[in-house]
Amino acid sequence: MKQALHSQSEIPLAPPTQAQLRAFADRLYEENTARGVETLRKRTREEIFSVISALNPARILEIGTAEGASGIGMLSAAPNATLTTVELCEERFLAAKNNFRAAGIASRVTQLFGDAREALLMMERPFDFILLDGPKGMYAEFYPILKNLLTPGGVLAADDVLFHGYITGETPYRTKHGAIIRSLRTFIETAQTDTDMTCRFFEEEDGLILLTKK
């Protein structure tokens, strides 16, 4: 597991305002969308940022950095938060590193390059907000680990839980997606029946589950 290092020379003298950071995140989001880079969908993105703004977390964990658009947006909604974010694709890891630096928030971000399962097993300190937007076939396996890493009152957001309509049956799926679909269905059932959590399920776009730890 490799951790990105940032020199002090990369940190701007004046940190960006929340408005500047949100504007940067919005521009990056539009660029990513135009290029077909996987990122949060529009209404899902706004719901997550709204939850973060109300929660005002100190520590955020993200599984699936992509190019950093969601991470930058989350930090714009939580001015006092730090972000730990994990990405398996080296190209996206490096693109995100450049974007965090360009946004002026490199000092608030800890990037981890590698397998999310390995990264999670190394973590000990809890988080107030967790965004799960990584490999869909691992959601069920990740859930108990993430639950243990969540502070009481903290929120776990799991994106894309409807997986292009395959979960609801709207879209017929190929055999190669079977394991992913079974994992997601197990995750959804576990999340909805976990008495330690309050569950909200948004079926708009590609599905979002918000779990608040009691």
Protein backbone atom coordinates (compact mmCIF):
# COMPACT_ATOMS: atom_id res chain seq x y z
CA MET A 1 0.00 0.00 0.00
CA LYS A 2 1.60 3.24 -1.12
CA GLN A 3 0.83 6.58 0.44
CA ALA A 4 1.10 9.79 -1.56
CA LEU A 5 3.51 12.30 -0.09
CA HIS A 6 3.14 16.06 -0.56
CA SER A 7 5.94 18.56 -0.04
CA GLN A 8 5.25 21.83 1.76
CA SER A 9 5.99 23.71 -1.46
CA GLU A 10 2.82 22.22 -2.95
CA ILE A 11 0.59 23.85 -0.32
CA PRO A 12 -0.72 27.32 -1.24
CA LEU A 13 -0.09 30.17 1.18
CA ALA A 14 -3.79 30.96 1.34
CA PRO A 15 -6.15 27.98 1.54
CA PRO A 16 -9.18 28.14 -0.77
CA THR A 17 -12.55 29.26 0.53
CA GLN A 18 -15.42 26.78 0.55
CA ALA A 19 -16.95 28.55 -2.44
CA GLN A 20 -13.69 28.37 -4.40
CA LEU A 21 -13.28 24.72 -3.54
CA ARG A 22 -16.84 23.89 -4.58
CA ALA A 23 -16.34 25.76 -7.86
CA PHE A 24 -13.17 23.76 -8.52
CA ALA A 25 -15.02 20.51 -7.72
CA ASP A 26 -17.88 21.47 -10.04
CA ARG A 27 -15.52 22.22 -12.93
CA LEU A 28 -13.70 18.94 -12.43
CA TYR A 29 -17.01 17.09 -12.23
CA GLU A 30 -18.14 18.55 -15.56
CA GLU A 31 -14.80 17.67 -17.16
CA ASN A 32 -14.95 14.12 -15.80
CA THR A 33 -18.53 13.69 -17.01
CA ALA A 34 -17.61 14.93 -20.48
CA ARG A 35 -14.70 12.49 -20.68
CA GLY A 36 -16.70 9.55 -19.34
CA VAL A 37 -14.73 9.27 -16.10
CA GLU A 38 -16.77 7.43 -13.48
CA THR A 39 -17.93 9.79 -10.77
CA LEU A 40 -20.98 10.47 -8.63
CA ARG A 41 -24.16 11.20 -10.53
CA LYS A 42 -25.61 14.70 -10.23
CA ARG A 43 -28.45 14.23 -7.71
CA THR A 44 -26.53 11.61 -5.76
CA ARG A 45 -23.62 14.02 -5.52
CA GLU A 46 -25.82 16.81 -4.17
CA GLU A 47 -27.45 14.50 -1.61
CA ILE A 48 -24.06 13.36 -0.33
CA PHE A 49 -22.73 16.91 -0.08
CA SER A 50 -25.90 17.98 1.76
CA VAL A 51 -25.50 15.16 4.30
CA ILE A 52 -21.85 16.06 4.83
CA SER A 53 -22.66 19.74 5.29
CA ALA A 54 -25.21 18.91 8.00
CA LEU A 55 -22.95 16.35 9.67
CA ASN A 56 -19.80 18.52 9.61
CA PRO A 57 -17.44 15.53 9.90
CA ALA A 58 -13.85 15.81 11.07
CA ARG A 59 -12.64 12.69 9.25
CA ILE A 60 -13.86 11.38 5.88
CA LEU A 61 -12.97 8.07 4.23
CA GLU A 62 -13.51 7.45 0.53
CA ILE A 63 -13.21 4.09 -1.22
CA GLY A 64 -12.69 4.90 -4.90
CA THR A 65 -10.89 8.23 -5.45
CA ALA A 66 -11.21 8.32 -9.25
CA GLU A 67 -9.71 11.71 -10.24
CA GLY A 68 -10.63 13.47 -7.00
CA ALA A 69 -13.83 15.29 -7.99
CA SER A 70 -15.94 13.70 -5.25
CA GLY A 71 -13.22 14.09 -2.64
CA ILE A 72 -12.76 17.78 -3.38
CA GLY A 73 -16.51 18.29 -3.33
CA MET A 74 -16.83 16.55 0.03
CA LEU A 75 -14.10 18.72 1.54
CA SER A 76 -15.85 21.82 0.20
CA ALA A 77 -18.90 20.76 2.24
CA ALA A 78 -16.86 20.05 5.38
CA PRO A 79 -14.41 22.93 5.92
CA ASN A 80 -12.70 21.36 8.95
CA ALA A 81 -12.44 17.81 7.63
CA THR A 82 -9.55 15.72 6.41
CA LEU A 83 -9.93 13.06 3.73
CA THR A 84 -8.40 9.60 3.45
CA THR A 85 -9.04 8.18 -0.01
CA VAL A 86 -8.13 4.86 -1.63
CA GLU A 87 -7.65 4.16 -5.35
CA LEU A 88 -6.48 1.02 -7.16
CA CYS A 89 -5.87 2.54 -10.61
CA GLU A 90 -2.47 4.25 -10.75
CA GLU A 91 -3.46 6.63 -13.56
CA ARG A 92 -6.42 7.92 -11.57
CA PHE A 93 -4.42 8.01 -8.36
CA LEU A 94 -1.88 10.32 -10.01
CA ALA A 95 -4.56 12.45 -11.67
CA ALA A 96 -6.26 12.89 -8.30
CA LYS A 97 -2.95 13.82 -6.68
CA ASN A 98 -2.52 16.63 -9.21
CA ASN A 99 -6.12 17.77 -8.73
CA PHE A 100 -5.85 17.86 -4.93
CA ARG A 101 -2.72 19.94 -5.27
CA ALA A 102 -4.27 22.26 -7.85
CA ALA A 103 -7.33 22.73 -5.62
CA GLY A 104 -5.07 23.78 -2.75
CA ILE A 105 -6.07 20.98 -0.36
CA ALA A 106 -3.14 18.55 -0.57
CA SER A 107 -2.42 19.08 3.13
CA ARG A 108 -5.95 17.86 4.01
CA VAL A 109 -5.75 14.66 1.96
CA THR A 110 -4.10 11.30 2.58
CA GLN A 111 -4.04 9.27 -0.62
CA LEU A 112 -3.58 5.51 -0.54
CA PHE A 113 -2.72 3.61 -3.72
CA GLY A 114 -3.62 -0.06 -3.77
CA ASP A 115 -6.27 -2.60 -2.89
CA ALA A 116 -9.04 -1.21 -0.68
CA ARG A 117 -9.37 -4.42 1.31
CA GLU A 118 -5.71 -4.23 2.36
CA ALA A 119 -6.05 -0.54 3.18
CA LEU A 120 -9.15 -1.06 5.33
CA LEU A 121 -7.54 -3.82 7.37
CA MET A 122 -4.70 -1.43 8.26
CA MET A 123 -7.00 1.33 9.51
CA GLU A 124 -7.65 1.85 13.21
CA ARG A 125 -8.90 5.42 13.72
CA PRO A 126 -12.65 5.89 13.13
CA PHE A 127 -14.29 8.12 10.53
CA ASP A 128 -17.37 10.33 10.75
CA PHE A 129 -18.37 9.92 7.10
CA ILE A 130 -17.52 7.12 4.68
CA LEU A 131 -18.19 7.07 0.95
CA LEU A 132 -18.17 3.58 -0.54
CA ASP A 133 -17.82 3.95 -4.31
CA GLY A 134 -15.31 1.23 -5.13
CA PRO A 135 -15.66 -2.32 -6.48
CA LYS A 136 -19.35 -3.24 -6.30
CA GLY A 137 -18.62 -6.92 -5.84
CA MET A 138 -16.87 -6.13 -2.55
CA TYR A 139 -19.63 -4.10 -0.87
CA ALA A 140 -20.90 -7.03 1.22
CA GLU A 141 -17.39 -7.95 2.35
CA PHE A 142 -16.43 -4.35 3.12
CA TYR A 143 -19.59 -3.59 5.10
CA PRO A 144 -18.66 -5.02 8.54
CA ILE A 145 -15.21 -3.43 8.32
CA LEU A 146 -16.63 -0.03 7.41
CA LYS A 147 -19.30 -0.31 10.09
CA ASN A 148 -16.58 -0.83 12.70
CA LEU A 149 -14.66 2.18 11.36
CA LEU A 150 -17.71 4.46 11.64
CA THR A 151 -18.19 6.70 14.67
CA PRO A 152 -21.57 6.66 16.50
CA GLY A 153 -23.77 9.12 14.62
CA GLY A 154 -21.53 8.78 11.58
CA VAL A 155 -22.82 8.10 8.07
CA LEU A 156 -21.86 5.47 5.51
CA ALA A 157 -22.92 6.29 1.95
CA ALA A 158 -22.88 3.45 -0.59
CA ASP A 159 -23.21 4.53 -4.21
CA ASP A 160 -24.39 2.64 -7.31
CA VAL A 161 -26.18 -0.06 -5.33
CA LEU A 162 -28.70 -0.67 -8.14
CA PHE A 163 -25.82 -1.38 -10.57
CA HIS A 164 -27.24 -0.13 -13.86
CA GLY A 165 -30.68 -1.57 -13.10
CA TYR A 166 -29.41 -5.15 -12.80
CA ILE A 167 -30.42 -5.37 -9.12
CA THR A 168 -34.07 -4.50 -9.76
CA GLY A 169 -34.26 -6.64 -12.89
CA GLU A 170 -34.95 -3.63 -15.13
CA THR A 171 -31.89 -4.58 -17.14
CA PRO A 172 -31.10 -8.24 -17.92
CA TYR A 173 -27.58 -9.07 -16.78
CA ARG A 174 -24.91 -11.28 -18.26
CA THR A 175 -23.47 -14.24 -16.40
CA LYS A 176 -20.19 -12.41 -15.78
CA HIS A 177 -22.05 -9.93 -13.53
CA GLY A 178 -23.62 -12.65 -11.37
CA ALA A 179 -21.12 -12.49 -8.49
CA ILE A 180 -21.34 -8.69 -8.32
CA ILE A 181 -25.13 -8.76 -8.27
CA ARG A 182 -25.24 -11.40 -5.54
CA SER A 183 -22.82 -9.36 -3.44
CA LEU A 184 -24.84 -6.17 -3.89
CA ARG A 185 -28.10 -7.91 -3.02
CA THR A 186 -26.49 -9.32 0.12
CA PHE A 187 -25.19 -5.87 1.01
CA ILE A 188 -28.59 -4.22 0.50
CA GLU A 189 -30.40 -6.83 2.58
CA THR A 190 -27.81 -6.59 5.37
CA ALA A 191 -27.93 -2.79 5.38
CA GLN A 192 -31.71 -2.67 5.51
CA THR A 193 -31.97 -5.17 8.37
CA ASP A 194 -29.04 -4.04 10.52
CA THR A 195 -30.55 -2.85 13.80
CA ASP A 196 -27.36 -0.93 14.65
CA MET A 197 -27.98 1.39 11.71
CA THR A 198 -30.68 3.68 10.35
CA CYS A 199 -31.04 3.08 6.62
CA ARG A 200 -32.28 5.40 3.90
CA PHE A 201 -32.50 4.06 0.35
CA PHE A 202 -32.61 6.44 -2.61
CA GLU A 203 -33.57 4.66 -5.84
CA GLU A 204 -32.96 7.65 -8.11
CA GLU A 205 -30.16 7.45 -10.67
CA ASP A 206 -28.13 4.30 -9.87
CA GLY A 207 -29.15 3.95 -6.24
CA LEU A 208 -27.72 5.34 -3.01
CA ILE A 209 -27.90 3.90 0.50
CA LEU A 210 -27.24 6.14 3.51
CA LEU A 211 -26.60 4.36 6.80
CA THR A 212 -26.37 6.27 10.08
CA LYS A 213 -24.77 4.42 12.99
CA LYS A 214 -26.87 4.54 16.16
